[in-house]
Amino acid sequence: MDSITLLLVAGILVLAVIFVRLLLYIWERMNPRSAWPTTHGHITHAVIERWLGDDSGAYRAHIAYEFSVGHFIYRGERLRWDQPVLNGTKAEMQRVLRRYPVGRRVMVHYNPKDPHECCLEI
């Protein structure tokens, strides 16, 4: 390869790295929860409830967990940050509960400024 081709390839690689870093920066700015710290917690409650109390066949997974930050114990119920209530068919909710049985150790994502804002999945 001649020097012009090498410079061109090097320039393209530098621009690609800059572009990827820019995308990561934008992603973190748009989704600050992706930078939240995690800590160990455990599931304290996991049940399936009929959603809206009707016969529509919709169910809700109600999962609660505890975790500590510093000397304080916090409780959370949010499984996914983008979905405050997780609902679906009974079979779907049973699959969720198999992932999160009572007593299971889990990683909890939390807002370092307010650990009451927490979830198991970002």
PDB file of N, CA and C in Angstrom:
ATOM      1  N   MET A   1       0.831  -1.190   0.000  1.00  0.00           N
ATOM      2  CA  MET A   1       0.000   0.000   0.000  1.00  0.00           C
ATOM      3  C   MET A   1       0.872   1.250   0.000  1.00  0.00           C
ATOM      4  N   ASP A   2       0.421   2.229  -0.721  1.00  0.00           N
ATOM      5  CA  ASP A   2       1.165   3.480  -0.721  1.00  0.00           C
ATOM      6  C   ASP A   2       0.741   4.334   0.473  1.00  0.00           C
ATOM      7  N   SER A   3       1.439   5.395   0.734  1.00  0.00           N
ATOM      8  CA  SER A   3       1.203   6.233   1.909  1.00  0.00           C
ATOM      9  C   SER A   3      -0.155   6.931   1.865  1.00  0.00           C
ATOM     10  N   ILE A   4      -0.644   7.263   0.715  1.00  0.00           N
ATOM     11  CA  ILE A   4      -1.949   7.923   0.607  1.00  0.00           C
ATOM     12  C   ILE A   4      -3.057   6.954   1.031  1.00  0.00           C
ATOM     13  N   THR A   5      -2.968   5.707   0.599  1.00  0.00           N
ATOM     14  CA  THR A   5      -3.962   4.702   0.977  1.00  0.00           C
ATOM     15  C   THR A   5      -3.926   4.453   2.482  1.00  0.00           C
ATOM     16  N   LEU A   6      -2.730   4.361   3.045  1.00  0.00           N
ATOM     17  CA  LEU A   6      -2.604   4.164   4.494  1.00  0.00           C
ATOM     18  C   LEU A   6      -3.204   5.337   5.265  1.00  0.00           C
ATOM     19  N   LEU A   7      -2.945   6.549   4.809  1.00  0.00           N
ATOM     20  CA  LEU A   7      -3.526   7.723   5.467  1.00  0.00           C
ATOM     21  C   LEU A   7      -5.046   7.722   5.359  1.00  0.00           C
ATOM     22  N   LEU A   8      -5.553   7.325   4.231  1.00  0.00           N
ATOM     23  CA  LEU A   8      -6.995   7.260   4.026  1.00  0.00           C
ATOM     24  C   LEU A   8      -7.627   6.215   4.958  1.00  0.00           C
ATOM     25  N   VAL A   9      -7.033   5.046   5.024  1.00  0.00           N
ATOM     26  CA  VAL A   9      -7.543   3.987   5.920  1.00  0.00           C
ATOM     27  C   VAL A   9      -7.464   4.448   7.375  1.00  0.00           C
ATOM     28  N   ALA A  10      -6.356   5.039   7.770  1.00  0.00           N
ATOM     29  CA  ALA A  10      -6.200   5.530   9.147  1.00  0.00           C
ATOM     30  C   ALA A  10      -7.236   6.609   9.448  1.00  0.00           C
ATOM     31  N   GLY A  11      -7.475   7.499   8.508  1.00  0.00           N
ATOM     32  CA  GLY A  11      -8.471   8.550   8.698  1.00  0.00           C
ATOM     33  C   GLY A  11      -9.869   7.977   8.863  1.00  0.00           C
ATOM     34  N   ILE A  12     -10.200   6.979   8.053  1.00  0.00           N
ATOM     35  CA  ILE A  12     -11.519   6.342   8.164  1.00  0.00           C
ATOM     36  C   ILE A  12     -11.667   5.658   9.513  1.00  0.00           C
ATOM     37  N   LEU A  13     -10.621   4.973   9.984  1.00  0.00           N
ATOM     38  CA  LEU A  13     -10.678   4.319  11.292  1.00  0.00           C
ATOM     39  C   LEU A  13     -10.852   5.326  12.419  1.00  0.00           C
ATOM     40  N   VAL A  14     -10.141   6.439  12.340  1.00  0.00           N
ATOM     41  CA  VAL A  14     -10.283   7.482  13.363  1.00  0.00           C
ATOM     42  C   VAL A  14     -11.706   8.036  13.363  1.00  0.00           C
ATOM     43  N   LEU A  15     -12.256   8.310  12.199  1.00  0.00           N
ATOM     44  CA  LEU A  15     -13.626   8.818  12.107  1.00  0.00           C
ATOM     45  C   LEU A  15     -14.630   7.790  12.633  1.00  0.00           C
ATOM     46  N   ALA A  16     -14.401   6.509  12.370  1.00  0.00           N
ATOM     47  CA  ALA A  16     -15.294   5.462  12.865  1.00  0.00           C
ATOM     48  C   ALA A  16     -15.268   5.408  14.387  1.00  0.00           C
ATOM     49  N   VAL A  17     -14.093   5.508  14.986  1.00  0.00           N
ATOM     50  CA  VAL A  17     -13.979   5.503  16.448  1.00  0.00           C
ATOM     51  C   VAL A  17     -14.689   6.720  17.032  1.00  0.00           C
ATOM     52  N   ILE A  18     -14.481   7.877  16.441  1.00  0.00           N
ATOM     53  CA  ILE A  18     -15.150   9.096  16.914  1.00  0.00           C
ATOM     54  C   ILE A  18     -16.665   8.950  16.805  1.00  0.00           C
ATOM     55  N   PHE A  19     -17.143   8.386  15.724  1.00  0.00           N
ATOM     56  CA  PHE A  19     -18.573   8.210  15.508  1.00  0.00           C
ATOM     57  C   PHE A  19     -19.164   7.266  16.558  1.00  0.00           C
ATOM     58  N   VAL A  20     -18.489   6.165  16.835  1.00  0.00           N
ATOM     59  CA  VAL A  20     -18.976   5.211  17.839  1.00  0.00           C
ATOM     60  C   VAL A  20     -18.997   5.859  19.216  1.00  0.00           C
ATOM     61  N   ARG A  21     -17.946   6.585  19.575  1.00  0.00           N
ATOM     62  CA  ARG A  21     -17.912   7.280  20.873  1.00  0.00           C
ATOM     63  C   ARG A  21     -19.047   8.304  20.973  1.00  0.00           C
ATOM     64  N   LEU A  22     -19.325   9.008  19.889  1.00  0.00           N
ATOM     65  CA  LEU A  22     -20.413   9.973  19.864  1.00  0.00           C
ATOM     66  C   LEU A  22     -21.756   9.279  20.073  1.00  0.00           C
ATOM     67  N   LEU A  23     -21.967   8.156  19.407  1.00  0.00           N
ATOM     68  CA  LEU A  23     -23.218   7.397  19.593  1.00  0.00           C
ATOM     69  C   LEU A  23     -23.375   6.928  21.034  1.00  0.00           C
ATOM     70  N   LEU A  24     -22.310   6.429  21.647  1.00  0.00           N
ATOM     71  CA  LEU A  24     -22.375   6.005  23.046  1.00  0.00           C
ATOM     72  C   LEU A  24     -22.691   7.178  23.971  1.00  0.00           C
ATOM     73  N   TYR A  25     -22.091   8.317  23.699  1.00  0.00           N
ATOM     74  CA  TYR A  25     -22.358   9.511  24.499  1.00  0.00           C
ATOM     75  C   TYR A  25     -23.827   9.914  24.388  1.00  0.00           C
ATOM     76  N   ILE A  26     -24.351   9.926  23.174  1.00  0.00           N
ATOM     77  CA  ILE A  26     -25.762  10.290  22.964  1.00  0.00           C
ATOM     78  C   ILE A  26     -26.671   9.284  23.662  1.00  0.00           C
ATOM     79  N   TRP A  27     -26.356   7.991  23.557  1.00  0.00           N
ATOM     80  CA  TRP A  27     -27.174   6.958  24.198  1.00  0.00           C
ATOM     81  C   TRP A  27     -27.213   7.163  25.717  1.00  0.00           C
ATOM     82  N   GLU A  28     -26.072   7.434  26.336  1.00  0.00           N
ATOM     83  CA  GLU A  28     -26.044   7.650  27.781  1.00  0.00           C
ATOM     84  C   GLU A  28     -26.801   8.910  28.174  1.00  0.00           C
ATOM     85  N   ARG A  29     -26.755   9.939  27.350  1.00  0.00           N
ATOM     86  CA  ARG A  29     -27.487  11.174  27.645  1.00  0.00           C
ATOM     87  C   ARG A  29     -28.987  10.960  27.513  1.00  0.00           C
ATOM     88  N   MET A  30     -29.397  10.141  26.528  1.00  0.00           N
ATOM     89  CA  MET A  30     -30.825   9.891  26.323  1.00  0.00           C
ATOM     90  C   MET A  30     -31.357   8.870  27.322  1.00  0.00           C
ATOM     91  N   ASN A  31     -30.525   7.957  27.790  1.00  0.00           N
ATOM     92  CA  ASN A  31     -30.949   6.901  28.697  1.00  0.00           C
ATOM     93  C   ASN A  31     -30.004   6.875  29.896  1.00  0.00           C
ATOM     94  N   PRO A  32     -30.155   7.826  30.814  1.00  0.00           N
ATOM     95  CA  PRO A  32     -29.225   7.892  31.942  1.00  0.00           C
ATOM     96  C   PRO A  32     -29.273   6.656  32.828  1.00  0.00           C
ATOM     97  N   ARG A  33     -30.368   5.893  32.793  1.00  0.00           N
ATOM     98  CA  ARG A  33     -30.460   4.693  33.620  1.00  0.00           C
ATOM     99  C   ARG A  33     -29.426   3.653  33.210  1.00  0.00           C
ATOM    100  N   SER A  34     -28.943   3.728  31.972  1.00  0.00           N
ATOM    101  CA  SER A  34     -27.934   2.757  31.547  1.00  0.00           C
ATOM    102  C   SER A  34     -26.642   2.934  32.341  1.00  0.00           C
ATOM    103  N   ALA A  35     -26.457   4.087  32.941  1.00  0.00           N
ATOM    104  CA  ALA A  35     -25.259   4.341  33.742  1.00  0.00           C
ATOM    105  C   ALA A  35     -25.514   4.172  35.242  1.00  0.00           C
ATOM    106  N   TRP A  36     -26.735   3.780  35.631  1.00  0.00           N
ATOM    107  CA  TRP A  36     -27.025   3.581  37.047  1.00  0.00           C
ATOM    108  C   TRP A  36     -26.155   2.456  37.598  1.00  0.00           C
ATOM    109  N   PRO A  37     -25.718   2.593  38.846  1.00  0.00           N
ATOM    110  CA  PRO A  37     -24.981   1.498  39.466  1.00  0.00           C
ATOM    111  C   PRO A  37     -25.921   0.332  39.796  1.00  0.00           C
ATOM    112  N   THR A  38     -25.334  -0.812  40.078  1.00  0.00           N
ATOM    113  CA  THR A  38     -26.112  -1.981  40.484  1.00  0.00           C
ATOM    114  C   THR A  38     -25.625  -2.461  41.839  1.00  0.00           C
ATOM    115  N   THR A  39     -26.503  -3.171  42.508  1.00  0.00           N
ATOM    116  CA  THR A  39     -26.174  -3.797  43.785  1.00  0.00           C
ATOM    117  C   THR A  39     -26.948  -5.095  43.889  1.00  0.00           C
ATOM    118  N   HIS A  40     -26.519  -5.937  44.800  1.00  0.00           N
ATOM    119  CA  HIS A  40     -27.226  -7.205  45.000  1.00  0.00           C
ATOM    120  C   HIS A  40     -28.491  -6.982  45.809  1.00  0.00           C
ATOM    121  N   GLY A  41     -29.524  -7.708  45.451  1.00  0.00           N
ATOM    122  CA  GLY A  41     -30.773  -7.697  46.197  1.00  0.00           C
ATOM    123  C   GLY A  41     -31.361  -9.092  46.185  1.00  0.00           C
ATOM    124  N   HIS A  42     -32.564  -9.224  46.703  1.00  0.00           N
ATOM    125  CA  HIS A  42     -33.236 -10.521  46.655  1.00  0.00           C
ATOM    126  C   HIS A  42     -34.740 -10.320  46.506  1.00  0.00           C
ATOM    127  N   ILE A  43     -35.371 -11.285  45.858  1.00  0.00           N
ATOM    128  CA  ILE A  43     -36.816 -11.243  45.623  1.00  0.00           C
ATOM    129  C   ILE A  43     -37.534 -11.578  46.928  1.00  0.00           C
ATOM    130  N   THR A  44     -38.496 -10.745  47.316  1.00  0.00           N
ATOM    131  CA  THR A  44     -39.246 -10.965  48.552  1.00  0.00           C
ATOM    132  C   THR A  44     -40.694 -11.384  48.302  1.00  0.00           C
ATOM    133  N   HIS A  45     -41.171 -11.144  47.085  1.00  0.00           N
ATOM    134  CA  HIS A  45     -42.584 -11.403  46.788  1.00  0.00           C
ATOM    135  C   HIS A  45     -42.702 -11.634  45.285  1.00  0.00           C
ATOM    136  N   ALA A  46     -43.414 -12.682  44.890  1.00  0.00           N
ATOM    137  CA  ALA A  46     -43.603 -12.939  43.461  1.00  0.00           C
ATOM    138  C   ALA A  46     -44.913 -13.708  43.280  1.00  0.00           C
ATOM    139  N   VAL A  47     -45.910 -13.030  42.727  1.00  0.00           N
ATOM    140  CA  VAL A  47     -47.211 -13.659  42.491  1.00  0.00           C
ATOM    141  C   VAL A  47     -47.771 -13.201  41.147  1.00  0.00           C
ATOM    142  N   ILE A  48     -48.718 -13.970  40.653  1.00  0.00           N
ATOM    143  CA  ILE A  48     -49.460 -13.592  39.447  1.00  0.00           C
ATOM    144  C   ILE A  48     -50.837 -13.150  39.903  1.00  0.00           C
ATOM    145  N   GLU A  49     -51.277 -12.013  39.402  1.00  0.00           N
ATOM    146  CA  GLU A  49     -52.602 -11.486  39.745  1.00  0.00           C
ATOM    147  C   GLU A  49     -53.393 -11.280  38.466  1.00  0.00           C
ATOM    148  N   ARG A  50     -54.695 -11.463  38.564  1.00  0.00           N
ATOM    149  CA  ARG A  50     -55.562 -11.161  37.423  1.00  0.00           C
ATOM    150  C   ARG A  50     -55.528  -9.651  37.198  1.00  0.00           C
ATOM    151  N   TRP A  51     -55.299  -9.247  35.971  1.00  0.00           N
ATOM    152  CA  TRP A  51     -55.160  -7.836  35.638  1.00  0.00           C
ATOM    153  C   TRP A  51     -56.528  -7.199  35.457  1.00  0.00           C
ATOM    154  N   LEU A  52     -56.747  -6.082  36.087  1.00  0.00           N
ATOM    155  CA  LEU A  52     -57.972  -5.278  35.995  1.00  0.00           C
ATOM    156  C   LEU A  52     -59.197  -5.998  36.536  1.00  0.00           C
ATOM    157  N   GLY A  53     -59.018  -7.168  37.141  1.00  0.00           N
ATOM    158  CA  GLY A  53     -60.124  -7.867  37.788  1.00  0.00           C
ATOM    159  C   GLY A  53     -61.227  -8.307  36.848  1.00  0.00           C
ATOM    160  N   ASP A  54     -60.932  -8.447  35.560  1.00  0.00           N
ATOM    161  CA  ASP A  54     -61.980  -8.884  34.639  1.00  0.00           C
ATOM    162  C   ASP A  54     -61.642 -10.263  34.080  1.00  0.00           C
ATOM    163  N   ASP A  55     -62.426 -10.734  33.161  1.00  0.00           N
ATOM    164  CA  ASP A  55     -62.212 -12.056  32.571  1.00  0.00           C
ATOM    165  C   ASP A  55     -61.539 -11.961  31.201  1.00  0.00           C
ATOM    166  N   SER A  56     -60.702 -10.960  31.000  1.00  0.00           N
ATOM    167  CA  SER A  56     -60.081 -10.760  29.695  1.00  0.00           C
ATOM    168  C   SER A  56     -58.933 -11.732  29.436  1.00  0.00           C
ATOM    169  N   GLY A  57     -58.509 -12.450  30.443  1.00  0.00           N
ATOM    170  CA  GLY A  57     -57.381 -13.355  30.280  1.00  0.00           C
ATOM    171  C   GLY A  57     -56.049 -12.670  30.462  1.00  0.00           C
ATOM    172  N   ALA A  58     -56.062 -11.425  30.920  1.00  0.00           N
ATOM    173  CA  ALA A  58     -54.821 -10.696  31.157  1.00  0.00           C
ATOM    174  C   ALA A  58     -54.409 -10.855  32.614  1.00  0.00           C
ATOM    175  N   TYR A  59     -53.104 -11.049  32.812  1.00  0.00           N
ATOM    176  CA  TYR A  59     -52.557 -11.218  34.153  1.00  0.00           C
ATOM    177  C   TYR A  59     -51.382 -10.277  34.339  1.00  0.00           C
ATOM    178  N   ARG A  60     -51.023 -10.097  35.598  1.00  0.00           N
ATOM    179  CA  ARG A  60     -49.921  -9.200  35.948  1.00  0.00           C
ATOM    180  C   ARG A  60     -48.961  -9.959  36.854  1.00  0.00           C
ATOM    181  N   ALA A  61     -47.670  -9.784  36.619  1.00  0.00           N
ATOM    182  CA  ALA A  61     -46.651 -10.328  37.513  1.00  0.00           C
ATOM    183  C   ALA A  61     -46.316  -9.246  38.536  1.00  0.00           C
ATOM    184  N   HIS A  62     -46.535  -9.552  39.801  1.00  0.00           N
ATOM    185  CA  HIS A  62     -46.196  -8.610  40.866  1.00  0.00           C
ATOM    186  C   HIS A  62     -44.966  -9.154  41.581  1.00  0.00           C
ATOM    187  N   ILE A  63     -43.847  -8.475  41.381  1.00  0.00           N
ATOM    188  CA  ILE A  63     -42.568  -8.899  41.940  1.00  0.00           C
ATOM    189  C   ILE A  63     -42.042  -7.774  42.819  1.00  0.00           C
ATOM    190  N   ALA A  64     -41.618  -8.114  44.018  1.00  0.00           N
ATOM    191  CA  ALA A  64     -41.027  -7.133  44.928  1.00  0.00           C
ATOM    192  C   ALA A  64     -39.648  -7.631  45.345  1.00  0.00           C
ATOM    193  N   TYR A  65     -38.772  -6.699  45.630  1.00  0.00           N
ATOM    194  CA  TYR A  65     -37.405  -7.056  46.005  1.00  0.00           C
ATOM    195  C   TYR A  65     -36.864  -6.042  47.000  1.00  0.00           C
ATOM    196  N   GLU A  66     -35.822  -6.444  47.712  1.00  0.00           N
ATOM    197  CA  GLU A  66     -35.128  -5.576  48.654  1.00  0.00           C
ATOM    198  C   GLU A  66     -33.659  -5.527  48.285  1.00  0.00           C
ATOM    199  N   PHE A  67     -33.046  -4.393  48.586  1.00  0.00           N
ATOM    200  CA  PHE A  67     -31.617  -4.228  48.353  1.00  0.00           C
ATOM    201  C   PHE A  67     -31.117  -3.147  49.301  1.00  0.00           C
ATOM    202  N   SER A  68     -29.825  -3.081  49.478  1.00  0.00           N
ATOM    203  CA  SER A  68     -29.285  -2.057  50.366  1.00  0.00           C
ATOM    204  C   SER A  68     -28.269  -1.203  49.621  1.00  0.00           C
ATOM    205  N   VAL A  69     -28.268   0.057  49.988  1.00  0.00           N
ATOM    206  CA  VAL A  69     -27.290   1.019  49.492  1.00  0.00           C
ATOM    207  C   VAL A  69     -26.791   1.743  50.736  1.00  0.00           C
ATOM    208  N   GLY A  70     -25.506   1.633  51.005  1.00  0.00           N
ATOM    209  CA  GLY A  70     -24.982   2.183  52.250  1.00  0.00           C
ATOM    210  C   GLY A  70     -25.569   1.402  53.410  1.00  0.00           C
ATOM    211  N   HIS A  71     -26.084   2.111  54.383  1.00  0.00           N
ATOM    212  CA  HIS A  71     -26.674   1.463  55.556  1.00  0.00           C
ATOM    213  C   HIS A  71     -28.193   1.406  55.484  1.00  0.00           C
ATOM    214  N   PHE A  72     -28.758   1.690  54.328  1.00  0.00           N
ATOM    215  CA  PHE A  72     -30.211   1.754  54.200  1.00  0.00           C
ATOM    216  C   PHE A  72     -30.731   0.604  53.345  1.00  0.00           C
ATOM    217  N   ILE A  73     -31.891   0.084  53.713  1.00  0.00           N
ATOM    218  CA  ILE A  73     -32.549  -0.975  52.948  1.00  0.00           C
ATOM    219  C   ILE A  73     -33.683  -0.335  52.151  1.00  0.00           C
ATOM    220  N   TYR A  74     -33.742  -0.665  50.872  1.00  0.00           N
ATOM    221  CA  TYR A  74     -34.770  -0.146  49.982  1.00  0.00           C
ATOM    222  C   TYR A  74     -35.599  -1.300  49.436  1.00  0.00           C
ATOM    223  N   ARG A  75     -36.809  -0.976  49.037  1.00  0.00           N
ATOM    224  CA  ARG A  75     -37.699  -1.957  48.428  1.00  0.00           C
ATOM    225  C   ARG A  75     -38.147  -1.430  47.072  1.00  0.00           C
ATOM    226  N   GLY A  76     -38.249  -2.334  46.121  1.00  0.00           N
ATOM    227  CA  GLY A  76     -38.702  -1.948  44.802  1.00  0.00           C
ATOM    228  C   GLY A  76     -39.670  -2.966  44.244  1.00  0.00           C
ATOM    229  N   GLU A  77     -40.447  -2.532  43.247  1.00  0.00           N
ATOM    230  CA  GLU A  77     -41.407  -3.419  42.597  1.00  0.00           C
ATOM    231  C   GLU A  77     -41.341  -3.333  41.080  1.00  0.00           C
ATOM    232  N   ARG A  78     -40.510  -2.477  40.586  1.00  0.00           N
ATOM    233  CA  ARG A  78     -40.459  -2.273  39.138  1.00  0.00           C
ATOM    234  C   ARG A  78     -39.501  -3.291  38.527  1.00  0.00           C
ATOM    235  N   LEU A  79     -40.031  -4.103  37.607  1.00  0.00           N
ATOM    236  CA  LEU A  79     -39.197  -5.087  36.937  1.00  0.00           C
ATOM    237  C   LEU A  79     -38.407  -4.407  35.822  1.00  0.00           C
ATOM    238  N   ARG A  80     -39.120  -3.760  34.903  1.00  0.00           N
ATOM    239  CA  ARG A  80     -38.487  -3.057  33.781  1.00  0.00           C
ATOM    240  C   ARG A  80     -38.762  -1.571  33.922  1.00  0.00           C
ATOM    241  N   TRP A  81     -37.743  -0.769  33.678  1.00  0.00           N
ATOM    242  CA  TRP A  81     -37.948   0.669  33.853  1.00  0.00           C
ATOM    243  C   TRP A  81     -38.958   1.213  32.862  1.00  0.00           C
ATOM    244  N   ASP A  82     -38.929   0.716  31.646  1.00  0.00           N
ATOM    245  CA  ASP A  82     -39.801   1.258  30.608  1.00  0.00           C
ATOM    246  C   ASP A  82     -41.213   0.697  30.668  1.00  0.00           C
ATOM    247  N   GLN A  83     -41.492  -0.180  31.620  1.00  0.00           N
ATOM    248  CA  GLN A  83     -42.802  -0.814  31.710  1.00  0.00           C
ATOM    249  C   GLN A  83     -43.184  -0.922  33.188  1.00  0.00           C
ATOM    250  N   PRO A  84     -43.875   0.095  33.737  1.00  0.00           N
ATOM    251  CA  PRO A  84     -44.177   0.086  35.166  1.00  0.00           C
ATOM    252  C   PRO A  84     -44.967  -1.149  35.618  1.00  0.00           C
ATOM    253  N   VAL A  85     -45.856  -1.641  34.772  1.00  0.00           N
ATOM    254  CA  VAL A  85     -46.649  -2.822  35.104  1.00  0.00           C
ATOM    255  C   VAL A  85     -46.397  -3.859  34.029  1.00  0.00           C
ATOM    256  N   LEU A  86     -46.011  -5.052  34.452  1.00  0.00           N
ATOM    257  CA  LEU A  86     -45.745  -6.125  33.501  1.00  0.00           C
ATOM    258  C   LEU A  86     -46.975  -7.016  33.437  1.00  0.00           C
ATOM    259  N   ASN A  87     -47.642  -7.016  32.286  1.00  0.00           N
ATOM    260  CA  ASN A  87     -48.841  -7.836  32.156  1.00  0.00           C
ATOM    261  C   ASN A  87     -48.821  -8.615  30.853  1.00  0.00           C
ATOM    262  N   GLY A  88     -49.639  -9.653  30.798  1.00  0.00           N
ATOM    263  CA  GLY A  88     -49.732 -10.500  29.616  1.00  0.00           C
ATOM    264  C   GLY A  88     -50.576 -11.715  29.924  1.00  0.00           C
ATOM    265  N   THR A  89     -50.358 -12.781  29.185  1.00  0.00           N
ATOM    266  CA  THR A  89     -51.113 -14.002  29.437  1.00  0.00           C
ATOM    267  C   THR A  89     -50.583 -14.665  30.702  1.00  0.00           C
ATOM    268  N   LYS A  90     -51.359 -15.580  31.220  1.00  0.00           N
ATOM    269  CA  LYS A  90     -50.939 -16.278  32.434  1.00  0.00           C
ATOM    270  C   LYS A  90     -49.633 -17.041  32.187  1.00  0.00           C
ATOM    271  N   ALA A  91     -49.515 -17.671  31.014  1.00  0.00           N
ATOM    272  CA  ALA A  91     -48.287 -18.419  30.691  1.00  0.00           C
ATOM    273  C   ALA A  91     -47.068 -17.493  30.640  1.00  0.00           C
ATOM    274  N   GLU A  92     -47.224 -16.302  30.064  1.00  0.00           N
ATOM    275  CA  GLU A  92     -46.114 -15.343  30.006  1.00  0.00           C
ATOM    276  C   GLU A  92     -45.693 -14.916  31.408  1.00  0.00           C
ATOM    277  N   MET A  93     -46.666 -14.663  32.268  1.00  0.00           N
ATOM    278  CA  MET A  93     -46.354 -14.233  33.630  1.00  0.00           C
ATOM    279  C   MET A  93     -45.732 -15.367  34.441  1.00  0.00           C
ATOM    280  N   GLN A  94     -46.124 -16.598  34.164  1.00  0.00           N
ATOM    281  CA  GLN A  94     -45.501 -17.739  34.844  1.00  0.00           C
ATOM    282  C   GLN A  94     -44.029 -17.850  34.457  1.00  0.00           C
ATOM    283  N   ARG A  95     -43.712 -17.570  33.197  1.00  0.00           N
ATOM    284  CA  ARG A  95     -42.304 -17.580  32.769  1.00  0.00           C
ATOM    285  C   ARG A  95     -41.507 -16.501  33.509  1.00  0.00           C
ATOM    286  N   VAL A  96     -42.116 -15.341  33.703  1.00  0.00           N
ATOM    287  CA  VAL A  96     -41.445 -14.261  34.432  1.00  0.00           C
ATOM    288  C   VAL A  96     -41.180 -14.701  35.870  1.00  0.00           C
ATOM    289  N   LEU A  97     -42.172 -15.290  36.507  1.00  0.00           N
ATOM    290  CA  LEU A  97     -41.998 -15.717  37.892  1.00  0.00           C
ATOM    291  C   LEU A  97     -40.956 -16.821  38.032  1.00  0.00           C
ATOM    292  N   ARG A  98     -40.795 -17.642  37.013  1.00  0.00           N
ATOM    293  CA  ARG A  98     -39.734 -18.663  37.072  1.00  0.00           C
ATOM    294  C   ARG A  98     -38.350 -18.006  37.070  1.00  0.00           C
ATOM    295  N   ARG A  99     -38.239 -16.845  36.419  1.00  0.00           N
ATOM    296  CA  ARG A  99     -36.960 -16.114  36.427  1.00  0.00           C
ATOM    297  C   ARG A  99     -36.711 -15.410  37.752  1.00  0.00           C
ATOM    298  N   TYR A 100     -37.784 -15.073  38.454  1.00  0.00           N
ATOM    299  CA  TYR A 100     -37.672 -14.283  39.682  1.00  0.00           C
ATOM    300  C   TYR A 100     -38.435 -14.929  40.841  1.00  0.00           C
ATOM    301  N   PRO A 101     -38.052 -16.130  41.267  1.00  0.00           N
ATOM    302  CA  PRO A 101     -38.745 -16.747  42.408  1.00  0.00           C
ATOM    303  C   PRO A 101     -38.345 -16.064  43.724  1.00  0.00           C
ATOM    304  N   VAL A 102     -39.191 -16.174  44.728  1.00  0.00           N
ATOM    305  CA  VAL A 102     -38.899 -15.608  46.042  1.00  0.00           C
ATOM    306  C   VAL A 102     -37.579 -16.197  46.545  1.00  0.00           C
ATOM    307  N   GLY A 103     -36.738 -15.325  47.061  1.00  0.00           N
ATOM    308  CA  GLY A 103     -35.450 -15.730  47.599  1.00  0.00           C
ATOM    309  C   GLY A 103     -34.295 -15.608  46.622  1.00  0.00           C
ATOM    310  N   ARG A 104     -34.563 -15.515  45.325  1.00  0.00           N
ATOM    311  CA  ARG A 104     -33.482 -15.431  44.335  1.00  0.00           C
ATOM    312  C   ARG A 104     -32.692 -14.143  44.515  1.00  0.00           C
ATOM    313  N   ARG A 105     -31.374 -14.257  44.434  1.00  0.00           N
ATOM    314  CA  ARG A 105     -30.520 -13.067  44.445  1.00  0.00           C
ATOM    315  C   ARG A 105     -30.566 -12.432  43.056  1.00  0.00           C
ATOM    316  N   VAL A 106     -30.687 -11.129  43.024  1.00  0.00           N
ATOM    317  CA  VAL A 106     -30.802 -10.399  41.761  1.00  0.00           C
ATOM    318  C   VAL A 106     -29.892  -9.177  41.798  1.00  0.00           C
ATOM    319  N   MET A 107     -29.607  -8.647  40.622  1.00  0.00           N
ATOM    320  CA  MET A 107     -28.895  -7.383  40.524  1.00  0.00           C
ATOM    321  C   MET A 107     -29.950  -6.285  40.340  1.00  0.00           C
ATOM    322  N   VAL A 108     -29.872  -5.267  41.165  1.00  0.00           N
ATOM    323  CA  VAL A 108     -30.831  -4.162  41.131  1.00  0.00           C
ATOM    324  C   VAL A 108     -30.120  -2.923  40.592  1.00  0.00           C
ATOM    325  N   HIS A 109     -30.712  -2.294  39.588  1.00  0.00           N
ATOM    326  CA  HIS A 109     -30.232  -1.011  39.068  1.00  0.00           C
ATOM    327  C   HIS A 109     -30.931   0.081  39.880  1.00  0.00           C
ATOM    328  N   TYR A 110     -30.189   1.087  40.335  1.00  0.00           N
ATOM    329  CA  TYR A 110     -30.815   2.146  41.124  1.00  0.00           C
ATOM    330  C   TYR A 110     -30.207   3.503  40.798  1.00  0.00           C
ATOM    331  N   ASN A 111     -31.022   4.519  41.008  1.00  0.00           N
ATOM    332  CA  ASN A 111     -30.591   5.895  40.807  1.00  0.00           C
ATOM    333  C   ASN A 111     -29.715   6.281  42.003  1.00  0.00           C
ATOM    334  N   PRO A 112     -28.453   6.625  41.795  1.00  0.00           N
ATOM    335  CA  PRO A 112     -27.589   6.949  42.936  1.00  0.00           C
ATOM    336  C   PRO A 112     -28.040   8.196  43.702  1.00  0.00           C
ATOM    337  N   LYS A 113     -28.811   9.064  43.044  1.00  0.00           N
ATOM    338  CA  LYS A 113     -29.322  10.249  43.716  1.00  0.00           C
ATOM    339  C   LYS A 113     -30.582   9.952  44.524  1.00  0.00           C
ATOM    340  N   ASP A 114     -31.313   8.896  44.133  1.00  0.00           N
ATOM    341  CA  ASP A 114     -32.536   8.493  44.829  1.00  0.00           C
ATOM    342  C   ASP A 114     -32.760   6.995  44.620  1.00  0.00           C
ATOM    343  N   PRO A 115     -32.212   6.145  45.497  1.00  0.00           N
ATOM    344  CA  PRO A 115     -32.320   4.699  45.316  1.00  0.00           C
ATOM    345  C   PRO A 115     -33.749   4.159  45.312  1.00  0.00           C
ATOM    346  N   HIS A 116     -34.734   4.987  45.685  1.00  0.00           N
ATOM    347  CA  HIS A 116     -36.127   4.544  45.555  1.00  0.00           C
ATOM    348  C   HIS A 116     -36.482   4.318  44.091  1.00  0.00           C
ATOM    349  N   GLU A 117     -35.778   4.994  43.187  1.00  0.00           N
ATOM    350  CA  GLU A 117     -35.946   4.779  41.742  1.00  0.00           C
ATOM    351  C   GLU A 117     -35.062   3.597  41.376  1.00  0.00           C
ATOM    352  N   CYS A 118     -35.686   2.456  41.133  1.00  0.00           N
ATOM    353  CA  CYS A 118     -34.905   1.245  40.906  1.00  0.00           C
ATOM    354  C   CYS A 118     -35.678   0.283  39.994  1.00  0.00           C
ATOM    355  N   CYS A 119     -34.953  -0.671  39.447  1.00  0.00           N
ATOM    356  CA  CYS A 119     -35.572  -1.695  38.616  1.00  0.00           C
ATOM    357  C   CYS A 119     -34.602  -2.869  38.467  1.00  0.00           C
ATOM    358  N   LEU A 120     -35.134  -3.990  38.022  1.00  0.00           N
ATOM    359  CA  LEU A 120     -34.294  -5.164  37.813  1.00  0.00           C
ATOM    360  C   LEU A 120     -33.736  -5.228  36.397  1.00  0.00           C
ATOM    361  N   GLU A 121     -34.477  -4.679  35.441  1.00  0.00           N
ATOM    362  CA  GLU A 121     -34.051  -4.714  34.052  1.00  0.00           C
ATOM    363  C   GLU A 121     -34.122  -3.310  33.463  1.00  0.00           C
ATOM    364  N   ILE A 122     -33.044  -2.899  32.791  1.00  0.00           N
ATOM    365  CA  ILE A 122     -33.014  -1.570  32.163  1.00  0.00           C
ATOM    366  C   ILE A 122     -33.580  -1.670  30.767  1.00  0.00           C
TER     367      ILE A 122
END
